[in-house]
């Protein structure tokens, strides 16, 4: 159960970071939900993408090790 929560949080965080960075780099402003609540710089979105990817990979590895 803990690994599935970690995996879900990782994917959501990575997606929000990717959408924010992609919107800032290729659009007029960040995409996703985070920009509605906070003004996150592009480097912050990239950090969220990295942290989310690490959490998702950790959750996937734990899920595969369990089976």
C-alpha atoms as a PDB file:
ATOM      1  CA  UNK A   1       0.000   0.000   0.000  1.00  0.00           C
ATOM      2  CA  UNK A   2       2.789   2.427   0.897  1.00  0.00           C
ATOM      3  CA  UNK A   3       4.534   1.787  -2.423  1.00  0.00           C
ATOM      4  CA  UNK A   4       1.393   2.516  -4.437  1.00  0.00           C
ATOM      5  CA  UNK A   5       0.972   5.845  -2.640  1.00  0.00           C
ATOM      6  CA  UNK A   6       4.623   6.689  -3.282  1.00  0.00           C
ATOM      7  CA  UNK A   7       4.208   5.722  -6.931  1.00  0.00           C
ATOM      8  CA  UNK A   8       1.062   7.834  -7.362  1.00  0.00           C
ATOM      9  CA  UNK A   9       2.585  10.884  -5.670  1.00  0.00           C
ATOM     10  CA  UNK A  10       5.668  10.491  -7.853  1.00  0.00           C
ATOM     11  CA  UNK A  11       3.715  10.350 -11.095  1.00  0.00           C
ATOM     12  CA  UNK A  12       1.478  13.305 -10.193  1.00  0.00           C
ATOM     13  CA  UNK A  13       4.474  15.388  -9.110  1.00  0.00           C
ATOM     14  CA  UNK A  14       6.436  14.523 -12.257  1.00  0.00           C
ATOM     15  CA  UNK A  15       3.479  15.342 -14.501  1.00  0.00           C
ATOM     16  CA  UNK A  16       2.852  18.695 -12.804  1.00  0.00           C
ATOM     17  CA  UNK A  17       6.545  19.559 -13.028  1.00  0.00           C
ATOM     18  CA  UNK A  18       6.672  18.580 -16.681  1.00  0.00           C
ATOM     19  CA  UNK A  19       3.527  20.531 -17.532  1.00  0.00           C
ATOM     20  CA  UNK A  20       4.764  23.625 -15.731  1.00  0.00           C
ATOM     21  CA  UNK A  21       8.209  23.545 -17.319  1.00  0.00           C
ATOM     22  CA  UNK A  22       6.805  22.717 -20.749  1.00  0.00           C
ATOM     23  CA  UNK A  23       4.328  25.563 -20.581  1.00  0.00           C
ATOM     24  CA  UNK A  24       6.992  28.036 -19.514  1.00  0.00           C
ATOM     25  CA  UNK A  25       9.459  26.891 -22.182  1.00  0.00           C
ATOM     26  CA  UNK A  26       7.110  26.270 -25.120  1.00  0.00           C
ATOM     27  CA  UNK A  27       3.963  28.232 -24.286  1.00  0.00           C
ATOM     28  CA  UNK A  28       2.902  31.541 -22.867  1.00  0.00           C
ATOM     29  CA  UNK A  29       2.731  30.329 -19.264  1.00  0.00           C
ATOM     30  CA  UNK A  30       2.805  27.199 -17.125  1.00  0.00           C
ATOM     31  CA  UNK A  31       0.262  24.458 -17.636  1.00  0.00           C
ATOM     32  CA  UNK A  32      -1.196  22.200 -14.954  1.00  0.00           C
ATOM     33  CA  UNK A  33      -2.632  23.122 -11.569  1.00  0.00           C
ATOM     34  CA  UNK A  34       0.276  24.439  -9.517  1.00  0.00           C
ATOM     35  CA  UNK A  35       0.380  27.842 -11.209  1.00  0.00           C
ATOM     36  CA  UNK A  36      -3.131  28.532  -9.939  1.00  0.00           C
ATOM     37  CA  UNK A  37      -1.917  28.459  -6.318  1.00  0.00           C
ATOM     38  CA  UNK A  38       1.788  29.357  -6.420  1.00  0.00           C
ATOM     39  CA  UNK A  39       4.149  31.235  -8.685  1.00  0.00           C
ATOM     40  CA  UNK A  40       6.801  28.582  -9.298  1.00  0.00           C
ATOM     41  CA  UNK A  41       9.886  29.446 -11.390  1.00  0.00           C
ATOM     42  CA  UNK A  42      10.947  27.235 -14.281  1.00  0.00           C
ATOM     43  CA  UNK A  43      13.792  25.736 -12.244  1.00  0.00           C
ATOM     44  CA  UNK A  44      11.251  24.824  -9.565  1.00  0.00           C
ATOM     45  CA  UNK A  45       9.132  22.990 -12.114  1.00  0.00           C
ATOM     46  CA  UNK A  46      12.199  21.114 -13.341  1.00  0.00           C
ATOM     47  CA  UNK A  47      13.047  20.174  -9.752  1.00  0.00           C
ATOM     48  CA  UNK A  48       9.485  18.894  -9.263  1.00  0.00           C
ATOM     49  CA  UNK A  49       9.834  16.846 -12.438  1.00  0.00           C
ATOM     50  CA  UNK A  50      13.081  15.319 -11.174  1.00  0.00           C
ATOM     51  CA  UNK A  51      11.778  14.574  -7.661  1.00  0.00           C
ATOM     52  CA  UNK A  52       8.586  13.083  -9.071  1.00  0.00           C
ATOM     53  CA  UNK A  53      10.528  10.878 -11.475  1.00  0.00           C
ATOM     54  CA  UNK A  54      12.736   9.606  -8.645  1.00  0.00           C
ATOM     55  CA  UNK A  55       9.682   8.819  -6.500  1.00  0.00           C
ATOM     56  CA  UNK A  56       7.947   7.055  -9.399  1.00  0.00           C
ATOM     57  CA  UNK A  57      11.014   4.945 -10.210  1.00  0.00           C
ATOM     58  CA  UNK A  58      11.436   4.053  -6.533  1.00  0.00           C
ATOM     59  CA  UNK A  59       7.786   3.025  -6.312  1.00  0.00           C
ATOM     60  CA  UNK A  60       8.051   0.930  -9.485  1.00  0.00           C
ATOM     61  CA  UNK A  61      11.177  -0.839  -8.229  1.00  0.00           C
ATOM     62  CA  UNK A  62       9.541  -1.612  -4.896  1.00  0.00           C
ATOM     63  CA  UNK A  63       6.452  -2.928  -6.672  1.00  0.00           C
ATOM     64  CA  UNK A  64       8.552  -5.202  -8.887  1.00  0.00           C
ATOM     65  CA  UNK A  65      10.667  -6.426  -5.972  1.00  0.00           C
ATOM     66  CA  UNK A  66       7.522  -7.403  -4.085  1.00  0.00           C
ATOM     67  CA  UNK A  67       6.243  -9.668  -6.874  1.00  0.00           C
END
